[in-house]
Amino acid sequence: MAWSSLAHLPTNEDEYWYILSNLENGMSIKEVDTIIAAYKNKVKVQHHYRSNLAKLGVYKIENNCIILNYDVNELVKERNLLKDILTKALMENVTDEINDVITSIILTQTYELKTVIDSLHIVHPLIDRNSLTRWIRPVVCLLKIVDILSKTPNIPTFYIRILQETYLQIAKKFSNSEPLELIENELKKIDSKNNIVAILDSILENPSIRFKIELIMMPSWASKNKSYKIGKDLYTHIKIKGNLLYEEDENEQKHNTK
């Protein structure tokens, strides 16, 4: 999905509430456009507004009519359900672009748009900053409404993900030895505050995955890479011997089936 694909989503909670609470199963797309236009005080709106909501997953479009993925009658009776509806739609239809925005919000621990854009632009420097801001504003708004930060309290698990993803970008496969310095340089492209020592210290506290990580100190004649003090010893290289996320994902699945 392109970065611009969700640029026409609503930009505040009241707009989501108005639109979603006035939709009906089987409603024509023309009627949907009329509801969206009414909130915006316009005679008509472009189809992008309607299609962006479909991409988000709050409804499907079939034969020019909508099929809701939520109970509108319950929503009308209980506005607090809006957050649950949006969260469910978001999690079931998450894209790489939305994941990047979520990552930036988690790393910066804020919904402040400029800060999130600063973080994103490090990873995507070739995208025009003004365009990125325009495209991402409604996504940040949505993530603030569902309060994504409250749903991602496990920072060590997040560190496991970005360490493994960064390692595999460089190593291409598990069990290759790679310089810690190179890993840290890539992590800092995601966020300049990332620190390989702090990340590894956090991850290595987990005994269930510690055995999958091998830290290596290369002799000076074999490597010119920077050494890092992790625990009580110095290391220059890292080798991840297996999927660090396997047990995390398995535990999450077990939790979700309870």
C-alpha atoms as a PDB file:
ATOM      1  CA  MET A   1       0.000   0.000   0.000  1.00  0.00           C
ATOM      2  CA  ALA A   2       1.324   3.456  -0.877  1.00  0.00           C
ATOM      3  CA  TRP A   3       1.991   6.066   1.810  1.00  0.00           C
ATOM      4  CA  SER A   4      -0.822   8.200   0.410  1.00  0.00           C
ATOM      5  CA  SER A   5      -3.392   5.387   0.659  1.00  0.00           C
ATOM      6  CA  LEU A   6      -4.732   6.485   4.051  1.00  0.00           C
ATOM      7  CA  ALA A   7      -4.304  10.237   3.643  1.00  0.00           C
ATOM      8  CA  HIS A   8      -8.074  10.808   3.492  1.00  0.00           C
ATOM      9  CA  LEU A   9      -9.008   9.099   6.733  1.00  0.00           C
ATOM     10  CA  PRO A  10     -10.878  11.157   9.343  1.00  0.00           C
ATOM     11  CA  THR A  11      -8.663  13.425  11.421  1.00  0.00           C
ATOM     12  CA  ASN A  12     -10.480  13.349  14.764  1.00  0.00           C
ATOM     13  CA  GLU A  13     -12.625  11.105  16.935  1.00  0.00           C
ATOM     14  CA  ASP A  14     -15.842  13.086  16.364  1.00  0.00           C
ATOM     15  CA  GLU A  15     -15.546  12.585  12.614  1.00  0.00           C
ATOM     16  CA  TYR A  16     -15.098   8.820  13.016  1.00  0.00           C
ATOM     17  CA  TRP A  17     -18.080   8.718  15.375  1.00  0.00           C
ATOM     18  CA  TYR A  18     -20.351  10.722  13.084  1.00  0.00           C
ATOM     19  CA  ILE A  19     -19.556   8.688   9.986  1.00  0.00           C
ATOM     20  CA  LEU A  20     -19.493   5.203  11.526  1.00  0.00           C
ATOM     21  CA  SER A  21     -22.620   5.750  13.613  1.00  0.00           C
ATOM     22  CA  ASN A  22     -24.621   6.889  10.578  1.00  0.00           C
ATOM     23  CA  LEU A  23     -23.687   4.050   8.239  1.00  0.00           C
ATOM     24  CA  GLU A  24     -25.966   1.078   7.606  1.00  0.00           C
ATOM     25  CA  ASN A  25     -25.414  -2.378   6.188  1.00  0.00           C
ATOM     26  CA  GLY A  26     -26.202  -2.411   2.464  1.00  0.00           C
ATOM     27  CA  MET A  27     -25.956   1.352   2.146  1.00  0.00           C
ATOM     28  CA  SER A  28     -24.860   2.513  -1.312  1.00  0.00           C
ATOM     29  CA  ILE A  29     -21.472   4.122  -1.735  1.00  0.00           C
ATOM     30  CA  LYS A  30     -23.261   7.267  -2.895  1.00  0.00           C
ATOM     31  CA  GLU A  31     -25.065   7.435   0.463  1.00  0.00           C
ATOM     32  CA  VAL A  32     -21.751   6.886   2.263  1.00  0.00           C
ATOM     33  CA  ASP A  33     -20.258   9.821   0.356  1.00  0.00           C
ATOM     34  CA  THR A  34     -23.255  11.953   1.356  1.00  0.00           C
ATOM     35  CA  ILE A  35     -22.677  11.207   5.066  1.00  0.00           C
ATOM     36  CA  ILE A  36     -18.977  12.047   4.795  1.00  0.00           C
ATOM     37  CA  ALA A  37     -19.764  15.252   2.900  1.00  0.00           C
ATOM     38  CA  ALA A  38     -22.336  16.284   5.523  1.00  0.00           C
ATOM     39  CA  TYR A  39     -19.721  16.142   8.295  1.00  0.00           C
ATOM     40  CA  LYS A  40     -17.314  18.197   6.191  1.00  0.00           C
ATOM     41  CA  ASN A  41     -20.030  20.705   5.247  1.00  0.00           C
ATOM     42  CA  LYS A  42     -19.516  19.973   1.565  1.00  0.00           C
ATOM     43  CA  VAL A  43     -21.942  19.206  -1.235  1.00  0.00           C
ATOM     44  CA  LYS A  44     -19.891  16.198  -2.278  1.00  0.00           C
ATOM     45  CA  VAL A  45     -16.520  14.597  -1.578  1.00  0.00           C
ATOM     46  CA  GLN A  46     -13.987  12.591  -3.564  1.00  0.00           C
ATOM     47  CA  HIS A  47     -14.217   8.814  -3.450  1.00  0.00           C
ATOM     48  CA  HIS A  48     -10.872   8.682  -1.591  1.00  0.00           C
ATOM     49  CA  TYR A  49     -12.574   9.363   1.752  1.00  0.00           C
ATOM     50  CA  ARG A  50     -14.903   6.400   1.344  1.00  0.00           C
ATOM     51  CA  SER A  51     -12.223   4.081  -0.065  1.00  0.00           C
ATOM     52  CA  ASN A  52      -9.775   4.941   2.726  1.00  0.00           C
ATOM     53  CA  LEU A  53     -12.294   3.755   5.314  1.00  0.00           C
ATOM     54  CA  ALA A  54     -12.667   0.543   3.344  1.00  0.00           C
ATOM     55  CA  LYS A  55      -8.884   0.103   3.311  1.00  0.00           C
ATOM     56  CA  LEU A  56      -8.869   0.622   7.057  1.00  0.00           C
ATOM     57  CA  GLY A  57     -11.351  -2.235   7.297  1.00  0.00           C
ATOM     58  CA  VAL A  58     -14.425  -0.754   8.963  1.00  0.00           C
ATOM     59  CA  TYR A  59     -16.480  -2.023   6.024  1.00  0.00           C
ATOM     60  CA  LYS A  60     -16.168  -3.867   2.722  1.00  0.00           C
ATOM     61  CA  ILE A  61     -17.513  -2.629  -0.600  1.00  0.00           C
ATOM     62  CA  GLU A  62     -19.371  -5.117  -2.768  1.00  0.00           C
ATOM     63  CA  ASN A  63     -21.568  -4.271  -5.749  1.00  0.00           C
ATOM     64  CA  ASN A  64     -21.315  -0.563  -4.890  1.00  0.00           C
ATOM     65  CA  CYS A  65     -22.735  -1.168  -1.408  1.00  0.00           C
ATOM     66  CA  ILE A  66     -21.046  -1.469   1.972  1.00  0.00           C
ATOM     67  CA  ILE A  67     -20.947  -4.423   4.375  1.00  0.00           C
ATOM     68  CA  LEU A  68     -20.108  -3.249   7.884  1.00  0.00           C
ATOM     69  CA  ASN A  69     -17.507  -5.037   9.968  1.00  0.00           C
ATOM     70  CA  TYR A  70     -19.068  -3.826  13.218  1.00  0.00           C
ATOM     71  CA  ASP A  71     -22.490  -3.588  14.845  1.00  0.00           C
ATOM     72  CA  VAL A  72     -23.673  -0.055  14.169  1.00  0.00           C
ATOM     73  CA  ASN A  73     -26.665  -0.401  16.523  1.00  0.00           C
ATOM     74  CA  GLU A  74     -24.345  -1.200  19.430  1.00  0.00           C
ATOM     75  CA  LEU A  75     -22.086   1.694  18.467  1.00  0.00           C
ATOM     76  CA  VAL A  76     -24.996   4.129  18.449  1.00  0.00           C
ATOM     77  CA  LYS A  77     -25.937   2.998  21.973  1.00  0.00           C
ATOM     78  CA  GLU A  78     -22.352   3.012  23.278  1.00  0.00           C
ATOM     79  CA  ARG A  79     -19.878   5.510  21.820  1.00  0.00           C
ATOM     80  CA  ASN A  80     -17.036   3.974  23.820  1.00  0.00           C
ATOM     81  CA  LEU A  81     -17.138   1.033  21.389  1.00  0.00           C
ATOM     82  CA  LEU A  82     -15.641   3.284  18.712  1.00  0.00           C
ATOM     83  CA  LYS A  83     -12.123   2.760  20.049  1.00  0.00           C
ATOM     84  CA  ASP A  84     -12.555  -1.030  20.003  1.00  0.00           C
ATOM     85  CA  ILE A  85     -13.941  -0.975  16.455  1.00  0.00           C
ATOM     86  CA  LEU A  86     -11.057   1.128  15.165  1.00  0.00           C
ATOM     87  CA  THR A  87      -8.468  -0.955  17.024  1.00  0.00           C
ATOM     88  CA  LYS A  88      -9.837  -4.195  15.570  1.00  0.00           C
ATOM     89  CA  ALA A  89      -9.914  -2.777  12.045  1.00  0.00           C
ATOM     90  CA  LEU A  90      -6.415  -1.379  12.388  1.00  0.00           C
ATOM     91  CA  MET A  91      -4.852  -4.568  13.737  1.00  0.00           C
ATOM     92  CA  GLU A  92      -6.517  -6.754  11.109  1.00  0.00           C
ATOM     93  CA  ASN A  93      -5.474  -4.525   8.201  1.00  0.00           C
ATOM     94  CA  VAL A  94      -2.093  -3.196   9.308  1.00  0.00           C
ATOM     95  CA  THR A  95       0.308  -2.352   6.465  1.00  0.00           C
ATOM     96  CA  ASP A  96       4.072  -1.869   6.318  1.00  0.00           C
ATOM     97  CA  GLU A  97       3.493   1.877   6.260  1.00  0.00           C
ATOM     98  CA  ILE A  98       1.260   1.800   9.344  1.00  0.00           C
ATOM     99  CA  ASN A  99       3.818  -0.436  11.067  1.00  0.00           C
ATOM    100  CA  ASP A 100       6.497   2.162  10.345  1.00  0.00           C
ATOM    101  CA  VAL A 101       4.351   4.878  11.926  1.00  0.00           C
ATOM    102  CA  ILE A 102       3.645   2.663  14.949  1.00  0.00           C
ATOM    103  CA  THR A 103       7.382   1.990  15.277  1.00  0.00           C
ATOM    104  CA  SER A 104       8.156   5.712  15.253  1.00  0.00           C
ATOM    105  CA  ILE A 105       5.477   6.420  17.865  1.00  0.00           C
ATOM    106  CA  ILE A 106       6.812   3.667  20.129  1.00  0.00           C
ATOM    107  CA  LEU A 107      10.417   4.817  19.712  1.00  0.00           C
ATOM    108  CA  THR A 108       9.601   8.472  20.393  1.00  0.00           C
ATOM    109  CA  GLN A 109       6.847   7.715  22.948  1.00  0.00           C
ATOM    110  CA  THR A 110       4.683  10.523  21.596  1.00  0.00           C
ATOM    111  CA  TYR A 111       1.852  11.295  19.177  1.00  0.00           C
ATOM    112  CA  GLU A 112       3.285  14.735  18.420  1.00  0.00           C
ATOM    113  CA  LEU A 113       3.265  14.874  14.631  1.00  0.00           C
ATOM    114  CA  LYS A 114       6.555  16.691  14.053  1.00  0.00           C
ATOM    115  CA  THR A 115       8.465  14.277  16.295  1.00  0.00           C
ATOM    116  CA  VAL A 116       6.936  11.245  14.575  1.00  0.00           C
ATOM    117  CA  ILE A 117       7.749  12.703  11.139  1.00  0.00           C
ATOM    118  CA  ASP A 118      11.338  13.412  12.243  1.00  0.00           C
ATOM    119  CA  SER A 119      11.708   9.746  13.178  1.00  0.00           C
ATOM    120  CA  LEU A 120      10.059   8.495   9.967  1.00  0.00           C
ATOM    121  CA  HIS A 121      12.120  10.754   7.757  1.00  0.00           C
ATOM    122  CA  ILE A 122      15.329   9.165   9.043  1.00  0.00           C
ATOM    123  CA  VAL A 123      14.133   5.820   7.679  1.00  0.00           C
ATOM    124  CA  HIS A 124      12.569   7.294   4.505  1.00  0.00           C
ATOM    125  CA  PRO A 125      14.793  10.267   3.598  1.00  0.00           C
ATOM    126  CA  LEU A 126      13.824  10.199  -0.087  1.00  0.00           C
ATOM    127  CA  ILE A 127      10.159  10.954   0.608  1.00  0.00           C
ATOM    128  CA  ASP A 128       9.303  14.645   0.511  1.00  0.00           C
ATOM    129  CA  ARG A 129       8.805  15.757   4.101  1.00  0.00           C
ATOM    130  CA  ASN A 130       5.733  17.899   3.400  1.00  0.00           C
ATOM    131  CA  SER A 131       4.072  15.057   1.509  1.00  0.00           C
ATOM    132  CA  LEU A 132       4.914  12.592   4.272  1.00  0.00           C
ATOM    133  CA  THR A 133       3.407  14.948   6.846  1.00  0.00           C
ATOM    134  CA  ARG A 134       0.190  15.298   4.831  1.00  0.00           C
ATOM    135  CA  TRP A 135      -0.101  11.541   4.281  1.00  0.00           C
ATOM    136  CA  ILE A 136       0.718  10.493   7.841  1.00  0.00           C
ATOM    137  CA  ARG A 137      -1.260  13.085   9.834  1.00  0.00           C
ATOM    138  CA  PRO A 138      -4.552  11.080   9.804  1.00  0.00           C
ATOM    139  CA  VAL A 139      -2.685   7.840  10.626  1.00  0.00           C
ATOM    140  CA  VAL A 140      -1.079   9.421  13.692  1.00  0.00           C
ATOM    141  CA  CYS A 141      -4.508  10.750  14.649  1.00  0.00           C
ATOM    142  CA  LEU A 142      -5.984   7.250  14.360  1.00  0.00           C
ATOM    143  CA  LEU A 143      -3.177   5.714  16.433  1.00  0.00           C
ATOM    144  CA  LYS A 144      -3.751   8.380  19.089  1.00  0.00           C
ATOM    145  CA  ILE A 145      -7.484   7.627  19.188  1.00  0.00           C
ATOM    146  CA  VAL A 146      -6.854   3.911  19.739  1.00  0.00           C
ATOM    147  CA  ASP A 147      -3.941   4.842  22.048  1.00  0.00           C
ATOM    148  CA  ILE A 148      -1.429   2.488  20.468  1.00  0.00           C
ATOM    149  CA  LEU A 149       1.155   3.308  23.144  1.00  0.00           C
ATOM    150  CA  SER A 150      -1.041   1.711  25.813  1.00  0.00           C
ATOM    151  CA  LYS A 151      -1.174  -1.468  23.719  1.00  0.00           C
ATOM    152  CA  THR A 152       2.601  -1.783  23.354  1.00  0.00           C
ATOM    153  CA  PRO A 153       3.939  -1.637  26.915  1.00  0.00           C
ATOM    154  CA  ASN A 154       6.494  -4.397  26.384  1.00  0.00           C
ATOM    155  CA  ILE A 155       9.493  -2.391  25.202  1.00  0.00           C
ATOM    156  CA  PRO A 156      11.919  -5.375  25.452  1.00  0.00           C
ATOM    157  CA  THR A 157       9.728  -7.293  22.985  1.00  0.00           C
ATOM    158  CA  PHE A 158       9.815  -4.306  20.665  1.00  0.00           C
ATOM    159  CA  TYR A 159      13.610  -4.190  20.964  1.00  0.00           C
ATOM    160  CA  ILE A 160      13.763  -7.889  20.091  1.00  0.00           C
ATOM    161  CA  ARG A 161      11.864  -7.179  16.887  1.00  0.00           C
ATOM    162  CA  ILE A 162      13.939  -4.237  15.695  1.00  0.00           C
ATOM    163  CA  LEU A 163      17.235  -5.946  16.623  1.00  0.00           C
ATOM    164  CA  GLN A 164      16.340  -9.091  14.697  1.00  0.00           C
ATOM    165  CA  GLU A 165      14.963  -7.209  11.696  1.00  0.00           C
ATOM    166  CA  THR A 166      18.086  -5.023  11.551  1.00  0.00           C
ATOM    167  CA  TYR A 167      20.395  -8.016  11.971  1.00  0.00           C
ATOM    168  CA  LEU A 168      18.688  -9.915   9.135  1.00  0.00           C
ATOM    169  CA  GLN A 169      18.835  -6.878   6.836  1.00  0.00           C
ATOM    170  CA  ILE A 170      22.616  -7.034   7.187  1.00  0.00           C
ATOM    171  CA  ALA A 171      23.313 -10.749   7.716  1.00  0.00           C
ATOM    172  CA  LYS A 172      20.605 -12.013   5.308  1.00  0.00           C
ATOM    173  CA  LYS A 173      20.281 -15.197   7.418  1.00  0.00           C
ATOM    174  CA  PHE A 174      20.727 -16.437  10.978  1.00  0.00           C
ATOM    175  CA  SER A 175      24.105 -17.577  12.388  1.00  0.00           C
ATOM    176  CA  ASN A 176      26.236 -15.091  10.464  1.00  0.00           C
ATOM    177  CA  SER A 177      28.609 -13.022  12.569  1.00  0.00           C
ATOM    178  CA  GLU A 178      28.063  -9.281  12.097  1.00  0.00           C
ATOM    179  CA  PRO A 179      29.706  -6.193  13.667  1.00  0.00           C
ATOM    180  CA  LEU A 180      27.771  -4.615  16.522  1.00  0.00           C
ATOM    181  CA  GLU A 181      28.884  -1.256  15.175  1.00  0.00           C
ATOM    182  CA  LEU A 182      27.131  -1.885  11.866  1.00  0.00           C
ATOM    183  CA  ILE A 183      23.964  -3.036  13.667  1.00  0.00           C
ATOM    184  CA  GLU A 184      23.945   0.096  15.815  1.00  0.00           C
ATOM    185  CA  ASN A 185      24.467   2.365  12.816  1.00  0.00           C
ATOM    186  CA  GLU A 186      21.360   0.876  11.183  1.00  0.00           C
ATOM    187  CA  LEU A 187      19.356   1.115  14.419  1.00  0.00           C
ATOM    188  CA  LYS A 188      20.211   4.800  14.685  1.00  0.00           C
ATOM    189  CA  LYS A 189      18.730   5.349  11.237  1.00  0.00           C
ATOM    190  CA  ILE A 190      15.425   4.261  12.770  1.00  0.00           C
ATOM    191  CA  ASP A 191      15.919   6.539  15.759  1.00  0.00           C
ATOM    192  CA  SER A 192      19.068   8.417  16.747  1.00  0.00           C
ATOM    193  CA  LYS A 193      18.449   7.565  20.410  1.00  0.00           C
ATOM    194  CA  ASN A 194      18.786   3.818  19.812  1.00  0.00           C
ATOM    195  CA  ASN A 195      21.723   2.347  21.712  1.00  0.00           C
ATOM    196  CA  ILE A 196      22.920  -1.187  20.980  1.00  0.00           C
ATOM    197  CA  VAL A 197      24.220  -1.720  24.532  1.00  0.00           C
ATOM    198  CA  ALA A 198      20.932  -0.671  26.162  1.00  0.00           C
ATOM    199  CA  ILE A 199      18.944  -2.782  23.690  1.00  0.00           C
ATOM    200  CA  LEU A 200      21.049  -5.904  24.267  1.00  0.00           C
ATOM    201  CA  ASP A 201      21.100  -5.411  28.041  1.00  0.00           C
ATOM    202  CA  SER A 202      17.305  -5.339  27.957  1.00  0.00           C
ATOM    203  CA  ILE A 203      16.978  -8.371  25.678  1.00  0.00           C
ATOM    204  CA  LEU A 204      19.573 -10.512  27.451  1.00  0.00           C
ATOM    205  CA  GLU A 205      17.576 -10.291  30.688  1.00  0.00           C
ATOM    206  CA  ASN A 206      15.180 -12.760  29.033  1.00  0.00           C
ATOM    207  CA  PRO A 207      16.626 -16.244  29.730  1.00  0.00           C
ATOM    208  CA  SER A 208      14.373 -17.890  27.149  1.00  0.00           C
ATOM    209  CA  ILE A 209      16.091 -16.129  24.235  1.00  0.00           C
ATOM    210  CA  ARG A 210      19.556 -15.403  25.674  1.00  0.00           C
ATOM    211  CA  PHE A 211      20.903 -18.701  24.324  1.00  0.00           C
ATOM    212  CA  LYS A 212      19.978 -17.656  20.755  1.00  0.00           C
ATOM    213  CA  ILE A 213      22.369 -14.698  20.875  1.00  0.00           C
ATOM    214  CA  GLU A 214      26.135 -15.119  20.745  1.00  0.00           C
ATOM    215  CA  LEU A 215      28.350 -12.117  21.417  1.00  0.00           C
ATOM    216  CA  ILE A 216      31.898 -12.324  20.086  1.00  0.00           C
ATOM    217  CA  MET A 217      35.085 -10.377  20.767  1.00  0.00           C
ATOM    218  CA  MET A 218      37.232 -10.406  17.661  1.00  0.00           C
ATOM    219  CA  PRO A 219      40.986  -9.834  18.115  1.00  0.00           C
ATOM    220  CA  SER A 220      42.289  -6.473  16.935  1.00  0.00           C
ATOM    221  CA  TRP A 221      44.142  -8.068  14.044  1.00  0.00           C
ATOM    222  CA  ALA A 222      40.900  -9.638  12.769  1.00  0.00           C
ATOM    223  CA  SER A 223      38.564  -6.659  13.088  1.00  0.00           C
ATOM    224  CA  LYS A 224      38.768  -2.877  13.141  1.00  0.00           C
ATOM    225  CA  ASN A 225      35.200  -2.581  14.412  1.00  0.00           C
ATOM    226  CA  LYS A 226      34.296  -0.753  17.578  1.00  0.00           C
ATOM    227  CA  SER A 227      33.963  -2.817  20.771  1.00  0.00           C
ATOM    228  CA  TYR A 228      31.085  -2.446  23.225  1.00  0.00           C
ATOM    229  CA  LYS A 229      30.927  -3.288  26.913  1.00  0.00           C
ATOM    230  CA  ILE A 230      27.905  -5.508  27.418  1.00  0.00           C
ATOM    231  CA  GLY A 231      27.577  -6.911  30.894  1.00  0.00           C
ATOM    232  CA  LYS A 232      31.125  -7.154  32.186  1.00  0.00           C
ATOM    233  CA  ASP A 233      32.877  -7.944  28.902  1.00  0.00           C
ATOM    234  CA  LEU A 234      33.806  -6.316  25.605  1.00  0.00           C
ATOM    235  CA  TYR A 235      32.379  -7.515  22.292  1.00  0.00           C
ATOM    236  CA  THR A 236      32.694  -6.489  18.646  1.00  0.00           C
ATOM    237  CA  HIS A 237      30.297  -8.878  16.873  1.00  0.00           C
ATOM    238  CA  ILE A 238      26.934 -10.540  17.294  1.00  0.00           C
ATOM    239  CA  LYS A 239      25.512 -13.776  15.956  1.00  0.00           C
ATOM    240  CA  ILE A 240      21.779 -14.477  16.216  1.00  0.00           C
ATOM    241  CA  LYS A 241      21.413 -18.240  15.963  1.00  0.00           C
ATOM    242  CA  GLY A 242      17.636 -18.530  15.627  1.00  0.00           C
ATOM    243  CA  ASN A 243      14.345 -16.647  15.508  1.00  0.00           C
ATOM    244  CA  LEU A 244      14.176 -14.504  18.652  1.00  0.00           C
ATOM    245  CA  LEU A 245      10.494 -13.840  18.033  1.00  0.00           C
ATOM    246  CA  TYR A 246       9.356 -17.446  17.962  1.00  0.00           C
ATOM    247  CA  GLU A 247       8.726 -17.830  21.674  1.00  0.00           C
ATOM    248  CA  GLU A 248       7.350 -14.295  21.937  1.00  0.00           C
ATOM    249  CA  ASP A 249       4.800 -14.993  19.162  1.00  0.00           C
ATOM    250  CA  GLU A 250       3.993 -18.436  20.604  1.00  0.00           C
ATOM    251  CA  ASN A 251       3.350 -16.973  24.064  1.00  0.00           C
ATOM    252  CA  GLU A 252       1.159 -14.271  22.526  1.00  0.00           C
ATOM    253  CA  GLN A 253      -0.890 -16.887  20.671  1.00  0.00           C
ATOM    254  CA  LYS A 254      -1.326 -18.910  23.869  1.00  0.00           C
ATOM    255  CA  HIS A 255      -2.468 -15.777  25.686  1.00  0.00           C
ATOM    256  CA  ASN A 256      -4.956 -14.906  22.933  1.00  0.00           C
ATOM    257  CA  THR A 257      -6.535 -18.384  23.024  1.00  0.00           C
ATOM    258  CA  LYS A 258      -7.227 -18.291  26.761  1.00  0.00           C
END
